[in-house]
Structures are given as structure tokens and as C-alpha cells.
Amino acid sequence: MSVQWRKSTHSGGADDQHCVELGRLVPGAGVGVRDSKDPDGGHLILSLAQFAGLIEQVKQHPEG
């Protein structure tokens, strides 16, 4: 599966410990989430509904 990964605009740089990349998987498979500092370390697959829920949680609790 060829995924085009996109780094979060909130990822700060070389010293940032919270670097996240998202990748749109094949239609119907959801969204991939991985650590951009370890791109070969695997990724988490979320359904579109799970991803939407994650985004809502982040918006409600932006500080962690």
C-alpha cells in the first residue's frame, strides 16, 4: 500500500517530541497515524469515525 504521509503543521522541528504524520489509506480503510520521527516504526489505523472523534477530543482538550 502506497501512502502519502503529511506532517502536522503543529510539529515544531528537530527538537519537537510530538511529531505526527497522517496518511489517507485506500478508500474505506481510514486514516493512518504515525510518529514522523520513526516512520518505519509502524502506524495506527483509525476509521474515519474514530479519526473524527480523536479530532474532537483534541479540540476539547488542546493541552493534553
Protein backbone atom coordinates (compact mmCIF):
# COMPACT_ATOMS: atom_id res chain seq x y z
CA MET A 1 0.00 0.00 0.00
CA SER A 2 1.46 3.35 -1.05
CA VAL A 3 0.52 6.09 1.41
CA GLN A 4 1.38 9.76 1.04
CA TRP A 5 2.14 10.94 4.58
CA ARG A 6 1.56 14.53 5.65
CA LYS A 7 3.30 16.06 8.66
CA SER A 8 1.26 18.08 11.13
CA THR A 9 1.75 21.83 10.89
CA HIS A 10 1.99 21.76 14.71
CA SER A 11 5.14 19.64 14.57
CA GLY A 12 7.89 22.04 15.54
CA GLY A 13 11.19 20.75 14.25
CA ALA A 14 14.20 18.68 15.22
CA ASP A 15 13.70 19.06 18.99
CA ASP A 16 9.92 18.58 18.96
CA GLN A 17 8.98 15.31 20.67
CA HIS A 18 5.38 15.41 19.40
CA CYS A 19 5.67 14.93 15.65
CA VAL A 20 2.69 13.32 13.97
CA GLU A 21 2.03 12.40 10.36
CA LEU A 22 -1.29 11.44 8.80
CA GLY A 23 -1.84 9.33 5.74
CA ARG A 24 -5.01 8.69 3.80
CA LEU A 25 -5.26 4.96 3.23
CA VAL A 26 -7.11 3.23 0.41
CA PRO A 27 -10.77 4.31 0.22
CA GLY A 28 -12.73 2.81 3.08
CA ALA A 29 -9.64 1.87 5.10
CA GLY A 30 -9.49 5.05 7.18
CA VAL A 31 -6.58 7.23 8.24
CA GLY A 32 -3.07 6.19 9.21
CA VAL A 33 -1.32 7.98 12.08
CA ARG A 34 2.40 7.60 12.75
CA ASP A 35 5.31 9.19 14.57
CA SER A 36 7.25 11.22 12.00
CA LYS A 37 10.47 10.66 13.95
CA ASP A 38 10.08 6.88 13.45
CA PRO A 39 8.39 6.42 10.04
CA ASP A 40 9.38 2.75 9.84
CA GLY A 41 8.01 2.01 13.32
CA GLY A 42 4.51 1.24 12.09
CA HIS A 43 1.30 3.21 12.21
CA LEU A 44 -2.10 3.24 13.85
CA ILE A 45 -5.13 2.82 11.60
CA LEU A 46 -8.26 4.74 12.56
CA SER A 47 -11.64 4.57 10.86
CA LEU A 48 -12.96 7.92 9.65
CA ALA A 49 -15.38 7.97 12.62
CA GLN A 50 -12.55 7.22 15.08
CA PHE A 51 -10.38 9.91 13.50
CA ALA A 52 -13.21 12.45 13.73
CA GLY A 53 -13.63 11.52 17.41
CA LEU A 54 -9.91 11.98 18.02
CA ILE A 55 -10.00 15.43 16.42
CA GLU A 56 -12.96 16.41 18.64
CA GLN A 57 -11.08 15.25 21.75
CA VAL A 58 -8.02 17.28 20.74
CA LYS A 59 -10.17 20.37 20.18
CA GLN A 60 -11.82 19.96 23.62
CA HIS A 61 -8.51 19.31 25.43
CA PRO A 62 -5.77 21.06 23.43
CA GLU A 63 -3.21 20.93 26.27
CA GLY A 64 -3.19 17.19 26.60
